[in-house]
Amino acid sequence: MGQVLYGECVRSGEAMAVRISDLACIGCAVETDASAVDLEGELTVWIGAMGPFAATATRSGGRHHAVRFVQPLDDQIVLHFAPA
């Protein structure tokens, strides 16, 4: 999984704490604590205190979702969160 960041996904007014991995300009992977949580569809993503970033999520199995940003993140945002 690599580096894990903490953030939040907001969908239909409901916020859900998530773990973010594989952060790239076009998307990332998110994991929730509850397998019953449905994040599929349009949502916004907060990465730490940065956001909101409009995105679309699809379930990739269990508690895992693949997220694609509507607009690619700026390279500087991805570099900010890159491992030292």
N, C-alpha and C. Protein backbone atom coordinates (compact mmCIF):
# COMPACT_ATOMS: atom_id res chain seq x y z
N MET A 1 0.81 -1.19 0.00
CA MET A 1 0.00 0.00 0.00
C MET A 1 0.86 1.26 0.00
N GLY A 2 2.05 1.24 0.59
CA GLY A 2 2.89 2.43 0.62
C GLY A 2 2.45 3.40 1.68
N GLN A 3 2.71 4.67 1.44
CA GLN A 3 2.37 5.73 2.39
C GLN A 3 0.86 5.84 2.56
N VAL A 4 0.43 6.01 3.80
CA VAL A 4 -0.99 6.19 4.10
C VAL A 4 -1.20 7.59 4.63
N LEU A 5 -2.17 8.29 4.03
CA LEU A 5 -2.57 9.63 4.46
C LEU A 5 -3.97 9.53 5.05
N TYR A 6 -4.30 10.46 5.91
CA TYR A 6 -5.64 10.45 6.49
C TYR A 6 -6.43 11.59 5.91
N GLY A 7 -7.69 11.32 5.61
CA GLY A 7 -8.54 12.33 5.02
C GLY A 7 -9.99 12.03 5.26
N GLU A 8 -10.82 12.62 4.42
CA GLU A 8 -12.26 12.51 4.57
C GLU A 8 -12.91 12.55 3.19
N CYS A 9 -13.93 11.75 3.02
CA CYS A 9 -14.76 11.80 1.82
C CYS A 9 -16.14 12.28 2.24
N VAL A 10 -16.70 13.17 1.46
CA VAL A 10 -18.04 13.69 1.75
C VAL A 10 -18.93 13.35 0.57
N ARG A 11 -20.03 12.65 0.87
CA ARG A 11 -20.98 12.24 -0.16
C ARG A 11 -22.38 12.41 0.40
N SER A 12 -23.23 13.10 -0.35
CA SER A 12 -24.62 13.34 0.07
C SER A 12 -24.67 13.96 1.47
N GLY A 13 -23.74 14.87 1.75
CA GLY A 13 -23.73 15.57 3.03
C GLY A 13 -23.16 14.78 4.19
N GLU A 14 -22.81 13.51 3.97
CA GLU A 14 -22.26 12.65 5.02
C GLU A 14 -20.74 12.57 4.87
N ALA A 15 -20.02 12.83 5.95
CA ALA A 15 -18.56 12.75 5.95
C ALA A 15 -18.11 11.41 6.50
N MET A 16 -17.08 10.86 5.90
CA MET A 16 -16.53 9.57 6.31
C MET A 16 -15.01 9.67 6.37
N ALA A 17 -14.43 9.34 7.50
CA ALA A 17 -12.97 9.31 7.62
C ALA A 17 -12.43 8.18 6.75
N VAL A 18 -11.34 8.45 6.04
CA VAL A 18 -10.74 7.45 5.15
C VAL A 18 -9.23 7.48 5.27
N ARG A 19 -8.63 6.38 4.85
CA ARG A 19 -7.18 6.30 4.69
C ARG A 19 -6.91 6.36 3.19
N ILE A 20 -5.97 7.22 2.81
CA ILE A 20 -5.68 7.47 1.40
C ILE A 20 -4.30 6.91 1.07
N SER A 21 -4.21 6.21 -0.05
CA SER A 21 -2.92 5.69 -0.51
C SER A 21 -2.83 5.88 -2.02
N ASP A 22 -1.65 5.62 -2.56
CA ASP A 22 -1.42 5.71 -4.00
C ASP A 22 -1.86 7.06 -4.59
N LEU A 23 -1.57 8.14 -3.86
CA LEU A 23 -1.98 9.47 -4.32
C LEU A 23 -1.23 9.86 -5.58
N ALA A 24 -1.99 10.25 -6.59
CA ALA A 24 -1.44 10.74 -7.87
C ALA A 24 -2.30 11.90 -8.33
N CYS A 25 -1.84 12.60 -9.35
CA CYS A 25 -2.60 13.75 -9.86
C CYS A 25 -4.01 13.37 -10.30
N ILE A 26 -4.17 12.18 -10.85
CA ILE A 26 -5.49 11.81 -11.39
C ILE A 26 -6.37 11.07 -10.41
N GLY A 27 -5.82 10.56 -9.31
CA GLY A 27 -6.65 9.84 -8.38
C GLY A 27 -5.87 9.22 -7.24
N CYS A 28 -6.56 8.37 -6.48
CA CYS A 28 -5.96 7.71 -5.34
C CYS A 28 -6.81 6.50 -4.95
N ALA A 29 -6.36 5.78 -3.97
CA ALA A 29 -7.14 4.69 -3.39
C ALA A 29 -7.57 5.14 -2.00
N VAL A 30 -8.79 4.79 -1.61
CA VAL A 30 -9.25 5.10 -0.26
C VAL A 30 -9.78 3.84 0.39
N GLU A 31 -9.63 3.80 1.72
CA GLU A 31 -10.13 2.67 2.50
C GLU A 31 -10.92 3.22 3.67
N THR A 32 -12.08 2.63 3.91
CA THR A 32 -12.92 3.01 5.05
C THR A 32 -12.80 1.94 6.13
N ASP A 33 -13.30 2.25 7.31
CA ASP A 33 -13.31 1.27 8.39
C ASP A 33 -14.50 0.32 8.29
N ALA A 34 -15.55 0.74 7.63
CA ALA A 34 -16.78 -0.07 7.56
C ALA A 34 -16.98 -0.61 6.15
N SER A 35 -17.13 -1.91 6.02
CA SER A 35 -17.31 -2.50 4.69
C SER A 35 -18.66 -2.16 4.08
N ALA A 36 -19.63 -1.77 4.89
CA ALA A 36 -20.96 -1.46 4.37
C ALA A 36 -21.07 -0.05 3.80
N VAL A 37 -20.04 0.76 3.98
CA VAL A 37 -20.08 2.14 3.50
C VAL A 37 -20.02 2.15 1.99
N ASP A 38 -20.94 2.89 1.38
CA ASP A 38 -20.98 3.00 -0.07
C ASP A 38 -20.54 4.40 -0.46
N LEU A 39 -19.33 4.52 -0.95
CA LEU A 39 -18.82 5.82 -1.41
C LEU A 39 -18.93 5.96 -2.92
N GLU A 40 -19.48 4.97 -3.60
CA GLU A 40 -19.53 5.02 -5.06
C GLU A 40 -20.31 6.22 -5.55
N GLY A 41 -19.78 6.85 -6.60
CA GLY A 41 -20.43 8.01 -7.21
C GLY A 41 -19.64 9.28 -6.96
N GLU A 42 -20.32 10.40 -7.12
CA GLU A 42 -19.67 11.70 -6.96
C GLU A 42 -19.50 12.03 -5.48
N LEU A 43 -18.34 12.60 -5.15
CA LEU A 43 -18.04 12.98 -3.78
C LEU A 43 -16.96 14.04 -3.78
N THR A 44 -16.64 14.52 -2.60
CA THR A 44 -15.48 15.40 -2.46
C THR A 44 -14.50 14.74 -1.51
N VAL A 45 -13.23 14.98 -1.75
CA VAL A 45 -12.17 14.38 -0.96
C VAL A 45 -11.36 15.49 -0.29
N TRP A 46 -11.09 15.27 0.99
CA TRP A 46 -10.17 16.12 1.74
C TRP A 46 -8.95 15.27 2.03
N ILE A 47 -7.78 15.79 1.74
CA ILE A 47 -6.52 15.11 2.04
C ILE A 47 -5.88 15.91 3.16
N GLY A 48 -5.93 15.38 4.36
CA GLY A 48 -5.52 16.18 5.51
C GLY A 48 -6.45 17.39 5.57
N ALA A 49 -5.87 18.58 5.60
CA ALA A 49 -6.67 19.81 5.62
C ALA A 49 -6.83 20.42 4.24
N MET A 50 -6.35 19.75 3.20
CA MET A 50 -6.45 20.27 1.83
C MET A 50 -7.69 19.73 1.13
N GLY A 51 -8.42 20.61 0.52
CA GLY A 51 -9.61 20.21 -0.21
C GLY A 51 -10.63 21.32 -0.14
N PRO A 52 -11.80 21.07 -0.58
CA PRO A 52 -12.30 19.80 -1.12
C PRO A 52 -11.92 19.64 -2.59
N PHE A 53 -11.70 18.38 -2.98
CA PHE A 53 -11.41 18.04 -4.37
C PHE A 53 -12.56 17.18 -4.90
N ALA A 54 -13.21 17.65 -5.96
CA ALA A 54 -14.31 16.89 -6.56
C ALA A 54 -13.77 15.62 -7.18
N ALA A 55 -14.50 14.51 -7.00
CA ALA A 55 -14.02 13.22 -7.49
C ALA A 55 -15.19 12.27 -7.72
N THR A 56 -14.86 11.13 -8.30
CA THR A 56 -15.80 10.03 -8.49
C THR A 56 -15.14 8.78 -7.92
N ALA A 57 -15.92 8.01 -7.15
CA ALA A 57 -15.38 6.80 -6.54
C ALA A 57 -16.09 5.56 -7.07
N THR A 58 -15.33 4.48 -7.21
CA THR A 58 -15.90 3.18 -7.55
C THR A 58 -15.33 2.17 -6.56
N ARG A 59 -16.17 1.23 -6.15
CA ARG A 59 -15.72 0.20 -5.19
C ARG A 59 -14.75 -0.74 -5.89
N SER A 60 -13.65 -1.01 -5.22
CA SER A 60 -12.69 -1.95 -5.79
C SER A 60 -12.57 -3.20 -4.93
N GLY A 61 -13.49 -3.35 -3.99
CA GLY A 61 -13.52 -4.56 -3.17
C GLY A 61 -13.57 -4.24 -1.69
N GLY A 62 -14.54 -4.80 -1.00
CA GLY A 62 -14.65 -4.63 0.45
C GLY A 62 -14.70 -3.18 0.87
N ARG A 63 -13.74 -2.78 1.67
CA ARG A 63 -13.68 -1.40 2.19
C ARG A 63 -12.88 -0.48 1.30
N HIS A 64 -12.44 -0.95 0.15
CA HIS A 64 -11.54 -0.20 -0.73
C HIS A 64 -12.30 0.41 -1.91
N HIS A 65 -11.93 1.65 -2.24
CA HIS A 65 -12.51 2.35 -3.38
C HIS A 65 -11.40 3.00 -4.21
N ALA A 66 -11.60 3.05 -5.50
CA ALA A 66 -10.71 3.78 -6.40
C ALA A 66 -11.35 5.15 -6.64
N VAL A 67 -10.57 6.19 -6.48
CA VAL A 67 -11.08 7.56 -6.62
C VAL A 67 -10.37 8.22 -7.79
N ARG A 68 -11.14 8.88 -8.62
CA ARG A 68 -10.58 9.65 -9.75
C ARG A 68 -11.03 11.10 -9.58
N PHE A 69 -10.07 12.01 -9.58
CA PHE A 69 -10.39 13.44 -9.41
C PHE A 69 -10.99 14.00 -10.69
N VAL A 70 -11.97 14.89 -10.54
CA VAL A 70 -12.61 15.52 -11.70
C VAL A 70 -11.59 16.37 -12.45
N GLN A 71 -10.82 17.14 -11.72
CA GLN A 71 -9.70 17.92 -12.27
C GLN A 71 -8.43 17.37 -11.65
N PRO A 72 -7.40 17.10 -12.44
CA PRO A 72 -6.16 16.57 -11.85
C PRO A 72 -5.62 17.50 -10.77
N LEU A 73 -5.07 16.89 -9.73
CA LEU A 73 -4.43 17.68 -8.68
C LEU A 73 -3.17 18.32 -9.24
N ASP A 74 -2.84 19.48 -8.73
CA ASP A 74 -1.60 20.14 -9.09
C ASP A 74 -0.43 19.28 -8.60
N ASP A 75 0.63 19.21 -9.36
CA ASP A 75 1.81 18.43 -8.98
C ASP A 75 2.32 18.80 -7.59
N GLN A 76 2.22 20.07 -7.23
CA GLN A 76 2.73 20.53 -5.94
C GLN A 76 1.96 19.91 -4.77
N ILE A 77 0.68 19.63 -4.97
CA ILE A 77 -0.10 18.98 -3.91
C ILE A 77 0.40 17.56 -3.72
N VAL A 78 0.60 16.85 -4.81
CA VAL A 78 1.08 15.47 -4.73
C VAL A 78 2.48 15.45 -4.11
N LEU A 79 3.34 16.37 -4.51
CA LEU A 79 4.70 16.44 -3.94
C LEU A 79 4.68 16.78 -2.45
N HIS A 80 3.72 17.61 -2.04
CA HIS A 80 3.60 17.99 -0.63
C HIS A 80 3.40 16.75 0.25
N PHE A 81 2.63 15.79 -0.25
CA PHE A 81 2.33 14.59 0.51
C PHE A 81 3.27 13.42 0.22
N ALA A 82 4.22 13.61 -0.67
CA ALA A 82 5.16 12.53 -1.03
C ALA A 82 6.07 12.22 0.17
N PRO A 83 6.45 10.95 0.31
CA PRO A 83 7.39 10.60 1.39
C PRO A 83 8.70 11.35 1.24
N ALA A 84 9.28 11.69 2.36
CA ALA A 84 10.55 12.45 2.35
C ALA A 84 11.69 11.61 1.84
